[in-house]
Amino acid sequence: EFTVQSPDGEAIQGWMMRPAGISAGRKYPLVLEIHGGPHSAYGYGFFHEFQMLCGDGCGVLFTNPPGSSGYGQAFEAATRQDWGGRDFRALMAAVDEACELDWVDPARLGVTGGSFGGYMTNWIIGQTTRFSAAVAARSTCNRYSQFGTSDSGYYHGDFEFKGNPWDEPDFYLERSPITYVNRIRTPLLLV
């Protein structure tokens, strides 16, 4: 467990899992795992995919960035109308911190997540080229079209975003990873 200061001043709780059979002096890939929600949280629990990645020789980094539950209402509401903002900056601060560890190879970073974690995976690779591979599960790429084509998108206009997409089309597209697809250089698997 560790805490990192985000660029926006929040203390971000996170955890690092080392690869199984880690050897001193050797560098290993690291995978950033991002939870769904965004109003969910990681903690002390068993996640089979984390164990599989560690068993396969990768480290795993997971955090509770702004928007996560369990740290008070203000922290949970911090991503309101700001998906891809404070959450993104906090996740990158945690990656920066992890890359300072002597066993982490900053040239072999991966990013993955499901639902909101999938959205953030898509967002991240449209904003930076520092990751070597990405896997987005149950994700959204276009927040405008997601509004009317899912079981949860319709309520984002009242809380998560600035109203309905037809009233705020520019905002929805600005916060849609598809808008930045021309920047993506990271190999991406959509599941």
Protein backbone atom coordinates (compact mmCIF):
# COMPACT_ATOMS: atom_id res chain seq x y z
CA GLU A 1 0.00 0.00 0.00
CA PHE A 2 1.15 3.54 -0.70
CA THR A 3 -0.19 7.09 -0.94
CA VAL A 4 0.69 9.52 -3.71
CA GLN A 5 -0.11 13.21 -3.94
CA SER A 6 -2.11 14.07 -7.06
CA PRO A 7 -1.33 17.26 -9.01
CA ASP A 8 -4.69 18.56 -7.73
CA GLY A 9 -3.61 18.11 -4.10
CA GLU A 10 -5.48 14.93 -3.16
CA ALA A 11 -3.89 12.04 -1.30
CA ILE A 12 -4.46 9.01 -3.55
CA GLN A 13 -4.43 5.54 -1.98
CA GLY A 14 -2.91 2.80 -4.08
CA TRP A 15 -1.36 -0.65 -4.01
CA MET A 16 1.47 -2.38 -5.85
CA MET A 17 1.68 -6.10 -6.41
CA ARG A 18 5.11 -7.44 -7.37
CA PRO A 19 5.58 -10.10 -10.00
CA ALA A 20 5.81 -13.64 -8.67
CA GLY A 21 9.42 -14.77 -8.30
CA ILE A 22 10.84 -11.26 -8.58
CA SER A 23 14.66 -11.16 -8.80
CA ALA A 24 16.78 -8.31 -7.46
CA GLY A 25 18.35 -6.16 -10.15
CA ARG A 26 15.85 -7.16 -12.84
CA LYS A 27 13.20 -4.90 -14.43
CA TYR A 28 9.58 -6.04 -14.93
CA PRO A 29 6.56 -4.78 -16.83
CA LEU A 30 3.85 -2.99 -14.86
CA VAL A 31 0.10 -2.96 -15.56
CA LEU A 32 -2.13 -0.14 -14.33
CA GLU A 33 -5.56 -1.58 -13.42
CA ILE A 34 -8.43 0.94 -13.25
CA HIS A 35 -11.69 0.15 -11.46
CA GLY A 36 -15.18 0.69 -12.79
CA GLY A 37 -17.67 3.23 -11.61
CA PRO A 38 -16.15 5.76 -11.36
CA HIS A 39 -17.88 5.49 -7.98
CA SER A 40 -16.38 2.20 -6.90
CA ALA A 41 -13.18 1.39 -5.06
CA TYR A 42 -10.34 -1.07 -4.77
CA GLY A 43 -9.20 -2.36 -1.42
CA TYR A 44 -7.95 -5.49 0.23
CA GLY A 45 -9.68 -8.05 -1.93
CA PHE A 46 -8.86 -10.86 -4.30
CA PHE A 47 -8.86 -10.09 -8.02
CA HIS A 48 -8.01 -13.10 -10.14
CA GLU A 49 -6.70 -11.03 -13.06
CA PHE A 50 -4.22 -9.26 -10.76
CA GLN A 51 -2.94 -12.62 -9.57
CA MET A 52 -2.70 -13.92 -13.15
CA LEU A 53 -0.69 -10.89 -14.26
CA CYS A 54 1.69 -11.25 -11.31
CA GLY A 55 2.02 -14.96 -12.01
CA ASP A 56 2.91 -14.11 -15.60
CA GLY A 57 5.77 -11.83 -14.52
CA CYS A 58 4.08 -8.42 -14.41
CA GLY A 59 3.64 -6.01 -11.55
CA VAL A 60 0.17 -4.59 -10.93
CA LEU A 61 -0.65 -1.04 -9.84
CA PHE A 62 -4.16 -0.18 -8.69
CA THR A 63 -5.46 2.98 -7.02
CA ASN A 64 -8.56 4.85 -5.94
CA PRO A 65 -8.39 8.10 -7.90
CA PRO A 66 -10.86 10.98 -7.49
CA GLY A 67 -14.38 9.68 -8.10
CA SER A 68 -13.78 6.57 -6.00
CA SER A 69 -16.12 5.80 -3.12
CA GLY A 70 -15.04 5.50 0.50
CA TYR A 71 -13.19 8.82 0.89
CA GLY A 72 -16.13 11.16 1.44
CA GLN A 73 -18.68 12.84 -0.81
CA ALA A 74 -16.38 15.60 -2.09
CA PHE A 75 -13.77 13.06 -3.26
CA GLU A 76 -16.44 10.88 -4.87
CA ALA A 77 -17.98 13.87 -6.67
CA ALA A 78 -14.57 15.17 -7.82
CA THR A 79 -15.03 13.70 -11.30
CA ARG A 80 -18.42 15.31 -11.78
CA GLN A 81 -18.29 17.03 -15.16
CA ASP A 82 -14.57 16.20 -15.29
CA TRP A 83 -14.11 12.63 -16.54
CA GLY A 84 -10.57 12.43 -17.88
CA GLY A 85 -9.43 15.37 -15.72
CA ARG A 86 -8.55 14.96 -12.04
CA ASP A 87 -8.91 11.18 -12.29
CA PHE A 88 -6.46 11.02 -15.21
CA ARG A 89 -3.93 13.27 -13.48
CA ALA A 90 -4.09 11.20 -10.28
CA LEU A 91 -3.62 7.93 -12.17
CA MET A 92 -0.59 9.33 -14.00
CA ALA A 93 0.88 10.54 -10.68
CA ALA A 94 0.57 6.98 -9.34
CA VAL A 95 2.27 5.61 -12.47
CA ASP A 96 5.07 8.17 -12.04
CA GLU A 97 5.51 7.05 -8.43
CA ALA A 98 5.56 3.37 -9.42
CA CYS A 99 8.14 3.97 -12.14
CA GLU A 100 10.56 5.15 -9.45
CA LEU A 101 10.73 1.61 -8.03
CA ASP A 102 13.93 -0.22 -8.99
CA TRP A 103 12.08 -3.28 -10.36
CA VAL A 104 9.63 -1.41 -12.65
CA ASP A 105 10.52 -1.05 -16.33
CA PRO A 106 8.98 2.28 -17.42
CA ALA A 107 9.39 1.21 -21.06
CA ARG A 108 6.99 -1.73 -20.52
CA LEU A 109 3.78 -0.28 -19.10
CA GLY A 110 0.29 -1.60 -19.72
CA VAL A 111 -3.12 -0.16 -18.84
CA THR A 112 -6.45 -1.93 -18.45
CA GLY A 113 -9.84 -1.66 -16.82
CA GLY A 114 -13.50 -2.42 -17.22
CA SER A 115 -16.55 -0.18 -17.52
CA PHE A 116 -15.34 3.22 -16.28
CA GLY A 117 -11.89 1.62 -16.14
CA GLY A 118 -12.31 0.78 -19.83
CA TYR A 119 -13.34 4.36 -20.55
CA MET A 120 -10.24 5.61 -18.72
CA THR A 121 -8.04 3.12 -20.59
CA ASN A 122 -9.35 4.52 -23.88
CA TRP A 123 -8.95 8.08 -22.58
CA ILE A 124 -5.40 7.54 -21.34
CA ILE A 125 -4.04 6.18 -24.62
CA GLY A 126 -5.55 9.17 -26.44
CA GLN A 127 -3.71 11.52 -24.08
CA THR A 128 -0.28 9.85 -23.71
CA THR A 129 1.93 7.37 -25.54
CA ARG A 130 3.74 6.10 -22.44
CA PHE A 131 1.91 2.73 -22.38
CA SER A 132 3.06 -0.19 -24.53
CA ALA A 133 -0.30 -1.99 -24.56
CA ALA A 134 -3.91 -1.43 -23.48
CA VAL A 135 -6.99 -3.59 -22.89
CA ALA A 136 -10.36 -1.87 -22.43
CA ALA A 137 -13.25 -4.07 -21.30
CA ARG A 138 -16.93 -3.08 -21.26
CA SER A 139 -15.83 0.42 -22.20
CA THR A 140 -17.28 3.45 -23.88
CA CYS A 141 -15.49 5.48 -26.51
CA ASN A 142 -18.23 7.94 -27.42
CA ARG A 143 -20.03 9.52 -24.47
CA TYR A 144 -22.58 11.20 -26.76
CA SER A 145 -23.89 7.95 -28.26
CA GLN A 146 -23.49 6.03 -24.99
CA PHE A 147 -26.12 8.27 -23.42
CA GLY A 148 -28.98 6.58 -25.28
CA THR A 149 -27.60 3.11 -25.91
CA SER A 150 -26.91 1.71 -22.45
CA ASP A 151 -28.59 0.91 -19.17
CA SER A 152 -26.75 3.69 -17.33
CA GLY A 153 -25.85 6.44 -19.80
CA TYR A 154 -29.14 8.29 -19.47
CA TYR A 155 -28.47 9.39 -15.87
CA HIS A 156 -25.03 10.78 -16.61
CA GLY A 157 -26.62 13.97 -17.93
CA ASP A 158 -28.02 14.82 -14.52
CA PHE A 159 -24.92 14.15 -12.43
CA GLU A 160 -21.77 13.15 -14.28
CA PHE A 161 -21.99 15.52 -17.24
CA LYS A 162 -23.33 18.99 -18.06
CA GLY A 163 -26.87 18.02 -19.02
CA ASN A 164 -28.13 16.06 -22.00
CA PRO A 165 -25.88 15.44 -25.01
CA TRP A 166 -28.16 17.36 -27.39
CA ASP A 167 -27.85 20.38 -25.07
CA GLU A 168 -24.07 20.03 -24.56
CA PRO A 169 -22.72 18.18 -27.65
CA ASP A 170 -19.29 19.82 -27.54
CA PHE A 171 -18.78 18.84 -23.90
CA TYR A 172 -19.78 15.22 -24.54
CA LEU A 173 -17.46 14.93 -27.52
CA GLU A 174 -14.61 16.67 -25.68
CA ARG A 175 -14.87 13.96 -22.96
CA SER A 176 -15.15 11.10 -25.47
CA PRO A 177 -12.02 9.05 -26.17
CA ILE A 178 -13.10 8.63 -29.82
CA THR A 179 -12.37 12.34 -30.31
CA TYR A 180 -8.67 11.64 -29.75
CA VAL A 181 -8.37 8.41 -31.74
CA ASN A 182 -5.95 10.03 -34.20
CA ARG A 183 -3.44 10.40 -31.32
CA ILE A 184 -3.49 6.76 -30.30
CA ARG A 185 -0.24 4.87 -30.92
CA THR A 186 -0.73 2.23 -28.22
CA PRO A 187 -1.95 -1.21 -29.36
CA LEU A 188 -5.48 -1.59 -27.94
CA LEU A 189 -7.65 -4.66 -27.40
CA LEU A 190 -11.35 -3.87 -26.93
CA VAL A 191 -13.21 -6.60 -25.02
